[in-house]
Amino acid sequence: MKAIEYIMSISKETEAEFLKYVKEVLGPTWKKLGCQKHEIYKVTDKAIVGRQIVEQDRFIERLYFGDDFDISRFYSEARKKYLEVVRSYEDMFGVYQIELRILKEVT
């Protein structure tokens, strides 16, 4: 399997709404675009800045595709729909510090 992995930060205020959105909207949307499996994980980290503790929640979202799936074609052919989906949750939930990784072989 191949996977696309997004790592992102989301404010605590919108976290619950975001997780609901992932389950109800993102999962089915990614499947329509060829995704075989969709997962989201939460990673909690606390950093100390001066005397303040800054809590930052990071989420890892993974989209899994079959071995024969052409990820570069996914980005070229489904680009408009893909960008609409990503931009919608960036704006709605204040997603920031987004990283993208393409994992070519996942077991």
Protein backbone atom coordinates (compact mmCIF):
# COMPACT_ATOMS: atom_id res chain seq x y z
CA MET A 1 0.00 0.00 0.00
CA LYS A 2 0.95 3.61 -0.50
CA ALA A 3 -0.06 6.40 1.85
CA ILE A 4 -0.31 10.15 2.00
CA GLU A 5 0.26 11.52 5.49
CA TYR A 6 -0.74 14.96 6.72
CA ILE A 7 0.56 16.26 10.02
CA MET A 8 -1.24 19.35 11.29
CA SER A 9 -1.94 21.47 14.35
CA ILE A 10 -5.46 22.35 15.43
CA SER A 11 -6.59 24.60 18.25
CA LYS A 12 -8.20 22.88 21.23
CA GLU A 13 -11.39 24.92 20.75
CA THR A 14 -12.15 23.33 17.38
CA GLU A 15 -10.77 19.84 18.03
CA ALA A 16 -14.07 18.04 18.77
CA GLU A 17 -15.79 19.61 15.76
CA PHE A 18 -12.82 18.70 13.56
CA LEU A 19 -12.91 15.04 14.61
CA LYS A 20 -16.64 14.89 13.86
CA TYR A 21 -16.00 16.47 10.45
CA VAL A 22 -13.26 13.93 9.73
CA LYS A 23 -15.62 11.04 10.45
CA GLU A 24 -18.69 12.39 8.66
CA VAL A 25 -17.21 14.34 5.73
CA LEU A 26 -13.52 13.72 5.10
CA GLY A 27 -13.53 9.92 5.27
CA PRO A 28 -16.30 9.50 2.67
CA THR A 29 -14.82 12.27 0.49
CA TRP A 30 -11.36 10.68 0.40
CA LYS A 31 -12.93 7.31 -0.47
CA LYS A 32 -14.68 8.91 -3.46
CA LEU A 33 -11.24 10.08 -4.61
CA GLY A 34 -9.80 6.54 -4.51
CA CYS A 35 -8.64 6.17 -0.91
CA GLN A 36 -9.01 2.62 0.45
CA LYS A 37 -8.51 3.44 4.12
CA HIS A 38 -8.53 6.67 6.15
CA GLU A 39 -7.14 7.14 9.67
CA ILE A 40 -6.54 10.02 12.04
CA TYR A 41 -4.35 9.99 15.14
CA LYS A 42 -3.87 12.59 17.85
CA VAL A 43 -0.42 13.40 19.23
CA THR A 44 -0.30 15.63 22.31
CA ASP A 45 2.82 17.60 23.16
CA LYS A 46 3.55 20.34 25.67
CA ALA A 47 6.30 22.87 25.05
CA ILE A 48 7.63 25.36 27.58
CA VAL A 49 8.05 28.91 26.30
CA GLY A 50 9.50 31.21 28.93
CA ARG A 51 7.31 30.57 31.96
CA GLN A 52 4.28 29.49 30.00
CA ILE A 53 3.34 26.00 28.95
CA VAL A 54 1.97 25.97 25.44
CA GLU A 55 -0.24 23.01 24.67
CA GLN A 56 -0.28 22.03 21.07
CA ASP A 57 -2.30 19.21 19.62
CA ARG A 58 -0.99 17.64 16.46
CA PHE A 59 -2.99 15.31 14.31
CA ILE A 60 -1.73 12.78 11.82
CA GLU A 61 -4.14 11.96 9.03
CA ARG A 62 -3.29 9.05 6.74
CA LEU A 63 -4.87 8.17 3.42
CA TYR A 64 -4.07 4.66 2.16
CA PHE A 65 -4.14 3.63 -1.49
CA GLY A 66 -3.49 0.38 -3.35
CA ASP A 67 -0.06 -0.44 -4.74
CA ASP A 68 -1.18 0.30 -8.29
CA PHE A 69 -2.59 3.72 -7.37
CA ASP A 70 -0.75 6.62 -9.02
CA ILE A 71 -0.46 9.32 -6.35
CA SER A 72 0.92 11.89 -8.81
CA ARG A 73 -2.19 11.34 -10.97
CA PHE A 74 -4.33 11.79 -7.86
CA TYR A 75 -2.85 15.25 -7.38
CA SER A 76 -3.19 16.22 -11.03
CA GLU A 77 -6.65 14.80 -11.85
CA ALA A 78 -8.38 15.30 -8.51
CA ARG A 79 -6.51 18.50 -7.69
CA LYS A 80 -9.50 20.84 -7.74
CA LYS A 81 -11.65 18.64 -5.48
CA TYR A 82 -8.65 17.83 -3.26
CA LEU A 83 -7.84 21.53 -2.79
CA GLU A 84 -11.48 22.33 -2.00
CA VAL A 85 -11.51 19.66 0.73
CA VAL A 86 -8.21 20.71 2.27
CA ARG A 87 -8.96 24.44 2.15
CA SER A 88 -12.39 23.87 3.70
CA TYR A 89 -11.05 22.28 6.85
CA GLU A 90 -8.06 24.63 7.06
CA ASP A 91 -10.45 27.58 7.22
CA MET A 92 -13.22 26.00 9.32
CA PHE A 93 -11.00 24.62 12.06
CA GLY A 94 -7.98 26.92 12.04
CA VAL A 95 -5.60 24.19 10.91
CA TYR A 96 -1.98 25.36 10.77
CA GLN A 97 1.56 23.99 10.51
CA ILE A 98 0.54 21.47 7.88
CA GLU A 99 3.14 19.00 6.65
CA LEU A 100 2.63 16.53 3.82
CA ARG A 101 4.47 13.24 3.39
CA ILE A 102 4.04 10.63 0.71
CA LEU A 103 4.84 7.15 2.00
CA LYS A 104 5.50 4.88 -0.97
CA GLU A 105 5.32 1.54 0.80
CA VAL A 106 3.23 0.93 3.89
CA THR A 107 2.66 -2.44 5.49
